[in-house]
Protein backbone atom coordinates (compact mmCIF):
# COMPACT_ATOMS: atom_id res chain seq x y z
CA LEU A 1 4.53 4.74 38.52
CA LEU A 2 2.47 4.01 35.25
CA PHE A 3 3.15 0.71 33.76
CA GLN A 4 3.13 0.07 29.97
CA THR A 5 1.07 -3.00 29.08
CA ILE A 6 2.85 -5.19 26.53
CA PRO A 7 0.51 -7.42 24.37
CA ASN A 8 1.15 -11.22 24.05
CA GLY A 9 3.41 -11.82 21.07
CA THR A 10 5.42 -8.60 21.06
CA THR A 11 8.72 -8.63 19.99
CA CYS A 12 11.08 -6.87 22.45
CA GLU A 13 14.68 -6.05 22.99
CA GLY A 14 16.90 -6.25 26.05
CA VAL A 15 18.19 -2.78 27.32
CA PHE A 16 20.43 -4.25 29.91
CA ASP A 17 21.91 -7.60 30.72
CA PHE A 18 19.78 -9.60 33.05
CA ASN A 19 20.92 -12.79 34.83
CA THR A 20 19.92 -13.07 38.57
CA GLY A 21 20.46 -16.89 38.74
CA ASN A 22 17.13 -17.36 40.09
CA LYS A 23 15.14 -20.30 38.97
CA GLY A 24 12.21 -19.42 36.50
CA ASP A 25 14.01 -16.32 35.29
CA LEU A 26 15.12 -16.01 31.80
CA PRO A 27 18.70 -14.52 31.44
CA PHE A 28 19.39 -12.39 28.64
CA LYS A 29 22.05 -9.83 27.32
CA LYS A 30 21.52 -6.25 26.09
CA GLY A 31 20.28 -6.31 22.61
CA ASP A 32 18.86 -9.87 22.72
CA THR A 33 15.51 -10.48 20.99
CA LEU A 34 12.67 -11.67 23.39
CA VAL A 35 8.94 -12.16 22.78
CA VAL A 36 6.47 -11.65 25.42
CA ILE A 37 4.17 -14.67 25.75
CA GLN A 38 2.40 -13.98 29.03
CA ARG A 39 1.39 -11.11 31.46
CA THR A 40 1.77 -11.68 35.10
CA ARG A 41 -0.29 -10.45 38.02
CA ASP A 42 2.62 -8.22 38.79
CA PRO A 43 2.96 -5.41 36.25
CA ASN A 44 6.72 -5.30 36.67
CA TRP A 45 7.18 -8.88 35.30
CA TYR A 46 6.34 -10.81 32.22
CA ARG A 47 6.93 -14.30 30.83
CA ALA A 48 8.99 -14.14 27.74
CA GLN A 49 10.64 -16.51 25.23
CA ASN A 50 14.25 -16.14 23.56
CA SER A 51 15.35 -17.03 20.16
CA LYS A 52 16.11 -20.54 21.32
CA GLY A 53 12.66 -21.04 22.54
CA GLU A 54 13.57 -20.98 26.12
CA SER A 55 10.94 -19.14 28.21
CA GLY A 56 11.04 -17.55 31.81
CA MET A 57 10.19 -14.39 33.80
CA VAL A 58 11.90 -11.05 32.64
CA PRO A 59 11.52 -7.50 34.26
CA LEU A 60 9.74 -4.98 32.42
CA ASN A 61 12.19 -2.29 32.94
CA TYR A 62 15.09 -4.53 31.41
CA ILE A 63 13.11 -4.67 27.95
CA THR A 64 11.91 -2.40 25.24
CA GLN A 65 9.07 -3.45 22.89
CA HIS A 66 9.36 -3.38 19.11
CA LYS A 67 6.35 -1.92 17.54
CA GLU A 68 4.85 -2.57 14.08
CA VAL A 69 5.95 -0.69 11.09
CA LYS A 70 2.94 0.18 8.87
CA LEU A 71 2.70 0.39 5.05
CA THR A 72 1.48 3.77 3.55
CA ALA A 73 -0.84 3.29 0.64
CA MET A 74 0.02 5.43 -2.52
CA PRO A 75 -3.36 5.54 -4.23
CA TRP A 76 -2.15 8.42 -6.33
CA PHE A 77 0.77 6.28 -8.09
CA HIS A 78 -0.19 5.22 -11.29
CA GLY A 79 3.05 3.23 -12.33
CA LYS A 80 3.94 2.97 -15.81
CA ILE A 81 1.67 5.18 -17.95
CA THR A 82 2.49 7.59 -20.71
CA ARG A 83 2.30 11.54 -20.58
CA SER A 84 -0.70 11.43 -22.84
CA ASP A 85 -2.54 8.87 -20.64
CA ALA A 86 -1.79 10.99 -17.46
CA GLU A 87 -3.30 13.97 -19.30
CA ASP A 88 -6.50 11.85 -20.44
CA LEU A 89 -6.91 10.71 -16.75
CA LEU A 90 -6.60 14.25 -15.37
CA THR A 91 -9.86 15.20 -17.01
CA PRO A 92 -11.83 17.41 -16.19
CA ARG A 93 -9.04 19.65 -15.33
CA LYS A 94 -9.34 20.78 -11.67
CA ASP A 95 -6.75 23.00 -10.20
CA GLY A 96 -4.49 20.82 -7.84
CA LEU A 97 -5.64 17.51 -9.22
CA PHE A 98 -2.66 15.14 -9.47
CA LEU A 99 -1.05 11.98 -9.90
CA VAL A 100 2.47 10.42 -9.98
CA ARG A 101 4.01 8.21 -12.65
CA GLU A 102 7.13 6.40 -13.39
CA SER A 103 8.99 8.59 -15.80
CA THR A 104 9.14 7.53 -19.43
CA ASN A 105 12.21 9.76 -20.40
CA TYR A 106 14.31 9.01 -17.33
CA PRO A 107 13.97 5.32 -15.98
CA GLY A 108 14.35 5.17 -12.39
CA ASP A 109 12.95 8.63 -11.86
CA TYR A 110 9.11 9.69 -11.51
CA THR A 111 6.95 12.45 -12.79
CA MET A 112 4.35 14.43 -10.83
CA CYS A 113 1.55 15.50 -13.03
CA VAL A 114 -0.43 18.49 -11.94
CA SER A 115 -3.65 19.94 -13.30
CA PHE A 116 -3.84 23.88 -13.37
CA ALA A 117 -5.71 26.41 -15.41
CA GLY A 118 -6.85 23.91 -17.85
CA GLU A 119 -3.39 22.35 -18.56
CA VAL A 120 -1.42 19.71 -17.06
CA GLU A 121 2.15 20.54 -15.79
CA HIS A 122 4.77 17.57 -15.55
CA TYR A 123 7.59 17.78 -13.08
CA ARG A 124 10.26 15.53 -12.98
CA VAL A 125 10.87 13.97 -9.64
CA ILE A 126 14.64 12.78 -9.41
CA PHE A 127 15.77 9.77 -7.45
CA LYS A 128 19.25 10.91 -6.05
CA ASP A 129 21.43 9.75 -3.34
CA ASN A 130 18.43 7.57 -2.07
CA LYS A 131 16.13 10.40 -1.88
CA VAL A 132 13.57 11.83 -4.25
CA THR A 133 13.58 15.60 -5.17
CA ILE A 134 11.73 17.89 -7.60
CA ASP A 135 14.20 20.88 -7.33
CA GLU A 136 17.34 19.34 -6.01
CA GLU A 137 17.03 21.64 -3.09
CA GLU A 138 14.64 19.74 -0.77
CA TYR A 139 14.83 15.98 -0.42
CA PHE A 140 12.44 13.51 0.73
CA GLU A 141 12.56 9.80 2.12
CA ASN A 142 10.07 8.69 -0.42
CA LEU A 143 7.27 9.55 -2.71
CA THR A 144 4.75 9.75 0.12
CA LYS A 145 6.79 12.38 2.05
CA LEU A 146 7.30 14.35 -1.24
CA VAL A 147 3.61 14.53 -1.90
CA GLU A 148 2.67 15.23 1.81
CA HIS A 149 5.12 18.30 1.40
CA TYR A 150 3.51 19.79 -1.79
CA GLU A 151 -0.10 19.22 -0.43
CA ARG A 152 0.97 21.69 2.44
CA ASP A 153 2.82 24.21 0.16
CA ALA A 154 3.11 24.81 -3.59
CA ASP A 155 6.87 25.61 -2.99
CA GLY A 156 7.45 26.20 -6.52
CA LEU A 157 4.83 24.09 -8.20
CA VAL A 158 2.03 26.01 -10.03
CA CYS A 159 -0.36 25.20 -7.12
CA THR A 160 -0.58 23.03 -4.01
CA LEU A 161 -1.65 19.51 -4.45
CA THR A 162 -5.40 19.41 -3.37
CA GLN A 163 -6.89 16.17 -4.83
CA PRO A 164 -5.25 12.97 -5.78
CA LEU A 165 -6.49 11.08 -8.72
CA ILE A 166 -7.02 7.51 -7.25
CA LYS A 167 -5.81 4.68 -9.31
CA LYS A 168 -8.37 2.12 -10.04
CA GLY A 169 -7.17 -1.46 -9.06
CA GLY A 170 -4.38 -2.23 -6.70
CA HIS A 171 -2.20 0.46 -4.89
CA GLU A 172 1.50 0.71 -4.45
CA TYR A 173 2.91 1.29 -0.89
CA SER A 174 5.70 3.20 0.59
CA VAL A 175 7.64 2.52 3.83
CA ASP A 176 9.42 5.20 5.59
CA THR A 177 12.84 3.93 6.71
CA GLU A 178 12.79 6.13 9.79
CA GLU A 179 9.83 4.09 11.10
CA PHE A 180 12.20 1.05 11.57
CA ARG A 181 14.39 3.07 13.78
CA LYS A 182 11.42 4.64 15.81
CA SER A 183 9.89 1.16 16.18
CA GLY A 184 13.08 -0.56 17.51
CA TRP A 185 13.77 -2.66 14.56
CA ALA A 186 16.94 -1.00 13.28
CA ILE A 187 20.21 -2.79 14.09
CA ASN A 188 23.86 -1.65 13.65
CA PHE A 189 25.75 -3.03 10.60
CA THR A 190 28.80 -3.25 13.00
CA ASP A 191 26.84 -6.00 14.81
CA LEU A 192 26.52 -7.91 11.63
CA LYS A 193 29.04 -10.28 9.82
CA LEU A 194 28.33 -11.35 6.48
CA GLY A 195 29.63 -14.46 5.20
CA THR A 196 28.86 -16.54 1.93
CA ILE A 197 26.32 -15.90 -0.49
CA LEU A 198 23.47 -18.49 -0.30
CA GLY A 199 21.65 -17.21 -3.46
CA LYS A 200 19.97 -14.47 -5.21
CA GLY A 201 16.74 -13.02 -3.85
CA ASP A 202 14.06 -10.80 -5.65
CA PHE A 203 16.06 -7.65 -4.75
CA GLY A 204 19.64 -8.89 -4.38
CA ASP A 205 22.07 -11.31 -2.60
CA VAL A 206 21.03 -13.42 0.32
CA TYR A 207 23.96 -14.10 2.65
CA GLU A 208 24.63 -16.46 5.68
CA GLY A 209 25.65 -14.13 8.41
CA THR A 210 26.18 -13.70 12.09
CA TYR A 211 24.26 -11.28 14.31
CA LYS A 212 25.50 -10.92 17.88
CA ASP A 213 26.85 -14.59 17.78
CA GLN A 214 23.68 -15.87 16.22
CA LYS A 215 23.52 -17.51 12.76
CA VAL A 216 21.23 -15.53 10.56
CA ALA A 217 20.23 -15.12 6.94
CA VAL A 218 20.67 -11.66 5.37
CA LYS A 219 18.86 -10.20 2.56
CA SER A 220 20.31 -7.21 0.84
CA VAL A 221 19.23 -4.69 -1.57
CA LYS A 222 21.34 -2.16 -3.40
CA ASP A 223 18.87 -0.30 -5.64
CA ARG A 224 17.21 2.24 -3.29
CA SER A 225 14.47 3.31 -5.44
CA LYS A 226 11.38 1.10 -6.29
CA ALA A 227 12.96 -2.07 -5.23
CA ALA A 228 13.94 -0.75 -2.02
CA GLN A 229 10.27 0.23 -0.93
CA ALA A 230 9.15 -3.36 -2.08
CA PHE A 231 12.12 -4.76 0.04
CA LEU A 232 10.90 -2.69 2.90
CA ALA A 233 7.33 -3.50 2.50
CA GLU A 234 8.09 -7.14 3.02
CA ALA A 235 10.21 -6.36 6.17
CA SER A 236 7.08 -4.10 7.57
CA VAL A 237 4.71 -6.90 7.26
CA MET A 238 7.11 -9.12 9.28
CA THR A 239 7.29 -6.50 12.11
CA GLN A 240 3.61 -7.50 12.74
CA LEU A 241 4.43 -11.29 13.04
CA HIS A 242 5.46 -13.65 15.79
CA HIS A 243 4.78 -17.28 15.46
CA LYS A 244 6.95 -20.56 15.58
CA ASN A 245 5.94 -21.42 12.20
CA LEU A 246 6.74 -18.07 10.49
CA ILE A 247 10.10 -16.89 9.75
CA LYS A 248 11.30 -14.36 12.39
CA LEU A 249 12.53 -10.90 11.54
CA LEU A 250 15.47 -9.89 13.80
CA GLY A 251 16.20 -6.36 12.42
CA VAL A 252 16.79 -4.22 9.49
CA VAL A 253 20.06 -2.16 8.75
CA ILE A 254 19.26 1.31 7.49
CA PRO A 255 22.13 3.05 5.95
CA GLN A 256 22.89 6.70 6.93
CA THR A 257 21.16 9.42 4.81
CA MET A 258 22.72 10.05 1.65
CA SER A 259 24.52 6.78 1.57
CA ASN A 260 24.92 4.27 -1.19
CA ASP A 261 25.13 1.32 1.18
CA PRO A 262 22.72 -1.57 0.82
CA ILE A 263 19.77 -2.00 3.07
CA TYR A 264 19.90 -5.48 5.04
CA VAL A 265 17.11 -7.40 6.27
CA VAL A 266 18.18 -9.74 9.11
CA LEU A 267 16.22 -13.15 9.51
CA GLU A 268 16.49 -16.25 11.68
CA PHE A 269 18.68 -18.79 9.81
CA MET A 270 17.02 -22.05 8.72
CA THR A 271 19.69 -24.85 8.49
CA LYS A 272 17.89 -27.23 6.22
CA GLY A 273 16.70 -24.65 3.71
CA ALA A 274 13.70 -24.58 1.33
CA MET A 275 11.22 -27.49 1.91
CA LEU A 276 10.97 -27.83 -1.93
CA GLU A 277 14.74 -28.91 -2.23
CA TYR A 278 14.61 -30.77 1.08
CA LEU A 279 11.99 -33.12 -0.29
CA ARG A 280 13.53 -33.32 -3.74
CA SER A 281 16.97 -34.13 -2.36
CA ARG A 282 15.83 -36.70 0.30
CA GLY A 283 12.91 -38.40 -1.39
CA ARG A 284 10.65 -41.11 0.20
CA ALA A 285 13.62 -43.03 1.44
CA LEU A 286 14.49 -40.28 4.05
CA VAL A 287 11.17 -38.51 4.59
CA THR A 288 8.31 -40.40 6.22
CA SER A 289 4.56 -39.89 6.02
CA ASN A 290 4.89 -38.63 9.59
CA ASP A 291 7.35 -35.91 8.51
CA LEU A 292 5.11 -34.90 5.91
CA TRP A 293 2.10 -34.71 8.10
CA LYS A 294 4.11 -32.81 10.55
CA PHE A 295 5.27 -30.20 8.00
CA ALA A 296 1.66 -29.85 6.69
CA LYS A 297 0.57 -29.15 10.33
CA ASP A 298 3.32 -26.75 10.84
CA ILE A 299 2.44 -24.70 7.66
CA ALA A 300 -1.44 -24.69 8.52
CA LEU A 301 -0.64 -23.38 12.03
CA GLY A 302 1.36 -20.59 10.63
CA MET A 303 -1.40 -19.69 8.24
CA GLU A 304 -3.90 -19.97 10.78
CA TYR A 305 -1.90 -17.16 12.63
CA LEU A 306 -2.07 -14.96 9.43
CA GLU A 307 -5.77 -15.67 9.25
CA ASN A 308 -6.45 -14.47 12.68
CA LYS A 309 -4.55 -11.39 11.90
CA GLN A 310 -6.45 -11.05 8.53
CA LEU A 311 -3.05 -10.96 6.61
CA VAL A 312 -3.15 -12.46 3.18
CA HIS A 313 0.27 -14.16 2.11
CA ARG A 314 -0.69 -14.50 -1.63
CA ASP A 315 2.59 -16.60 -2.35
CA LEU A 316 2.23 -19.79 -0.53
CA ALA A 317 4.14 -22.56 -2.24
CA ALA A 318 6.64 -25.26 -1.24
CA ARG A 319 9.52 -23.01 -2.18
CA ASN A 320 8.46 -20.51 0.22
CA ILE A 321 8.54 -22.94 3.12
CA LEU A 322 11.82 -23.34 5.18
CA ILE A 323 13.13 -26.11 7.41
CA SER A 324 14.83 -25.47 10.49
CA GLU A 325 17.64 -27.56 12.25
CA GLU A 326 14.86 -29.24 14.53
CA CYS A 327 12.75 -30.03 11.23
CA VAL A 328 10.15 -27.35 12.02
CA ALA A 329 8.68 -25.97 8.79
CA LYS A 330 8.15 -22.27 8.70
CA VAL A 331 6.46 -20.01 6.11
CA SER A 332 8.62 -17.33 4.59
CA ASP A 333 8.62 -14.73 1.84
CA PHE A 334 6.10 -12.14 2.73
CA GLY A 335 6.77 -10.03 -0.22
CA LEU A 336 3.21 -10.19 -1.48
CA ALA A 337 1.61 -10.34 2.01
CA ARG A 338 -0.98 -7.63 2.66
CA ASP A 339 -3.69 -6.81 5.28
CA ALA A 340 -6.91 -8.31 4.09
CA SER A 341 -8.47 -4.88 4.47
CA PHE A 342 -6.25 -3.51 1.50
CA ASN A 343 -7.22 -3.45 -2.16
CA LEU A 344 -5.27 -6.64 -3.15
CA GLN A 345 -5.68 -6.45 -6.80
CA GLY A 346 -2.45 -6.09 -9.12
CA GLY A 347 0.79 -7.62 -8.97
CA LYS A 348 2.40 -10.68 -10.57
CA PHE A 349 1.52 -13.85 -9.22
CA PRO A 350 2.56 -17.48 -9.72
CA VAL A 351 -0.34 -18.84 -11.95
CA LYS A 352 -0.09 -22.57 -10.64
CA TRP A 353 -0.33 -21.64 -6.91
CA THR A 354 -2.94 -18.98 -7.28
CA ALA A 355 -6.72 -19.44 -6.72
CA PRO A 356 -8.83 -18.82 -9.97
CA GLU A 357 -10.77 -16.21 -8.41
CA ALA A 358 -7.61 -14.35 -7.48
CA LEU A 359 -6.32 -14.83 -11.10
CA LYS A 360 -9.37 -13.83 -12.95
CA GLU A 361 -10.84 -11.06 -10.70
CA GLY A 362 -8.02 -10.14 -8.43
CA LYS A 363 -9.97 -11.42 -5.37
CA PHE A 364 -7.38 -12.40 -2.72
CA SER A 365 -8.20 -13.54 0.64
CA ASN A 366 -7.26 -15.96 3.30
CA LYS A 367 -9.46 -18.57 1.36
CA SER A 368 -7.27 -17.94 -1.86
CA ASP A 369 -4.36 -18.77 0.43
CA VAL A 370 -6.18 -22.15 1.20
CA TRP A 371 -6.16 -22.81 -2.52
CA SER A 372 -2.34 -22.31 -2.42
CA TYR A 373 -2.01 -24.46 0.69
CA GLY A 374 -3.58 -27.36 -1.18
CA ILE A 375 -1.25 -27.04 -4.09
CA THR A 376 1.66 -26.85 -1.62
CA LEU A 377 0.19 -30.14 -0.17
CA TRP A 378 0.16 -31.72 -3.52
CA GLU A 379 3.99 -30.64 -4.03
CA MET A 380 4.77 -32.37 -0.76
CA TRP A 381 3.16 -35.52 -1.28
CA SER A 382 4.67 -35.79 -4.87
CA PHE A 383 8.01 -34.80 -3.31
CA GLY A 384 8.63 -31.70 -5.25
CA ARG A 385 7.13 -32.17 -8.61
CA VAL A 386 5.95 -28.99 -10.53
CA PRO A 387 2.02 -28.67 -10.27
CA TYR A 388 -0.20 -29.31 -13.23
CA PRO A 389 2.36 -31.54 -15.15
CA ARG A 390 1.49 -31.55 -18.81
CA VAL A 391 -0.99 -28.63 -18.62
CA PRO A 392 0.21 -25.63 -20.73
CA LEU A 393 0.25 -22.48 -18.49
CA LYS A 394 -1.95 -20.41 -21.19
CA ASP A 395 -4.67 -23.12 -20.68
CA LEU A 396 -4.66 -23.54 -16.99
CA LEU A 397 -7.10 -21.05 -15.66
CA ALA A 398 -9.69 -22.08 -18.17
CA LYS A 399 -9.29 -25.72 -17.45
CA VAL A 400 -9.36 -25.29 -13.57
CA GLN A 401 -12.50 -23.04 -13.89
CA SER A 402 -14.20 -25.91 -15.94
CA GLY A 403 -13.54 -28.18 -12.92
CA TYR A 404 -10.20 -29.83 -13.57
CA ARG A 405 -8.26 -30.70 -10.45
CA MET A 406 -4.83 -32.63 -10.38
CA ASP A 407 -4.88 -36.34 -9.75
CA CYS A 408 -3.67 -37.77 -6.33
CA PRO A 409 -0.04 -37.97 -6.20
CA GLU A 410 1.51 -41.52 -6.33
CA ARG A 411 1.39 -43.28 -2.99
CA CYS A 412 -0.34 -40.37 -1.22
CA ASP A 413 -3.24 -41.55 1.17
CA LYS A 414 -6.61 -40.77 -0.18
CA ILE A 415 -7.54 -38.89 3.01
CA VAL A 416 -4.78 -36.40 2.26
CA TYR A 417 -5.95 -35.97 -1.23
CA GLN A 418 -9.42 -35.52 0.05
CA LEU A 419 -7.98 -32.51 2.09
CA MET A 420 -6.43 -31.09 -1.03
CA LEU A 421 -9.72 -31.18 -2.94
CA LYS A 422 -11.42 -29.43 -0.03
CA CYS A 423 -8.84 -26.61 -0.38
CA TRP A 424 -9.69 -26.60 -4.32
CA LEU A 425 -13.34 -26.04 -4.10
CA LYS A 426 -14.56 -23.54 -6.67
CA ASP A 427 -16.93 -21.73 -4.18
CA VAL A 428 -14.74 -19.76 -1.80
CA ASN A 429 -17.25 -19.90 0.90
CA GLU A 430 -17.29 -23.61 0.98
CA ARG A 431 -13.38 -23.98 1.25
CA LEU A 432 -11.95 -24.82 4.63
CA SER A 433 -10.37 -22.01 6.80
CA PHE A 434 -6.96 -22.69 8.12
CA LYS A 435 -8.36 -23.25 11.52
CA GLN A 436 -10.55 -26.05 10.00
CA ILE A 437 -7.53 -27.50 8.25
CA VAL A 438 -5.56 -27.77 11.57
CA HIS A 439 -8.43 -29.72 12.91
CA GLU A 440 -8.73 -31.98 9.90
CA LEU A 441 -5.13 -32.64 10.28
CA ASP A 442 -5.53 -33.63 13.63
CA VAL A 443 -8.42 -35.94 12.83
CA ILE A 444 -6.59 -37.72 9.98
CA LYS A 445 -3.35 -38.32 11.65
CA PRO A 446 -4.44 -41.54 13.49
CA LYS A 447 -5.92 -42.87 10.05
CA LEU A 448 -2.77 -41.84 8.30
CA LEU A 449 -0.27 -43.05 10.88
CA PRO A 450 -1.97 -45.80 12.75
CA ALA A 451 1.23 -46.78 14.62
CA ILE A 452 1.68 -43.03 16.04
CA ASN A 453 -0.40 -41.77 18.88
CA PRO A 454 -2.72 -38.97 17.68
């Protein structure tokens, strides 16, 4: 037999019930999510961990691994530009040179602009029944699939697509829902029970729910066009992640083809909610310096993991940190997260949390996340105050670039404030890495909390 090697940190699913009763084994049921944490000398057995944090030995032939779902760049997508702008861009005219833009006449649809014989042809790309089509005869999962088809065959266009006109700056991305099925992340809606609405997300409602007797949070999106692709992009990033200080993805409900049912993303449930509200509602009377230090360490460990994977979060803030029942802080909201190798320009970003080089030049990196981490620390030690009080938003970037930094929060230890200042160094290369931040936190703990063993 040829045995497949499963890397540490890989999310897997039980394909059969397993419960031998032997000491050291980790029992699980079919469909349970497990994470491989260690290989053993015997290729038939791995050490794994369940959703409760319990670990033990599991047989390889009882589990199947979940694979990563990759984002696909759409460098030919130019967003909201006019017909005349598209024609100007497609100059000089070259047969098969093309771009795709958002439709100006039909909001929600797109336009394929193709250069041929010195002219530009504009084809309406219709969004219908959760698919895209030009001729209403052949339908495609997303714009990428549509473009790939016409790159192979003109199929009614004036010519085949031969050369994309690359958009300058950041690129949009597409996700194929079929990849979630192939990679083992698709779950059945029948296994999911929706409860009360917890709030509104960027794309739709967020529910409390139950998935196979486990309490979960469920994000939904009804609009299946551009919003759905952004929604799935966040989920695809999460298929790459497994760390105790990052919110865990459990699966995605993908409706059947030509269905108007929502897409649901199922996440682990965090009982104590967002850290921002947790701190504001409890205050200094209930949240100790030790609690703050622990939250800071949790966040830094999660971000160090992203740093090691060369993933940039781009939206780190107290509102995007969730607190578990056991008071573990976990980084969430990966809607803006991207691989550091991607072009990370473009998009809308929270000015008060974003590093100056990212705001001015679009230069996002793990070091720009470090800047945001410093802002998050300031939020924590000020118990949820909005950063940069009394500084008008329009003046903020210039003020920060000229050297302005926020004052130390009231009753915040100077050594913690010094850590914030190290996160806010103007020179990106001089800023700490998250690995260094984790070390710094360990160093300052005994000074911050002399009564507690370091």
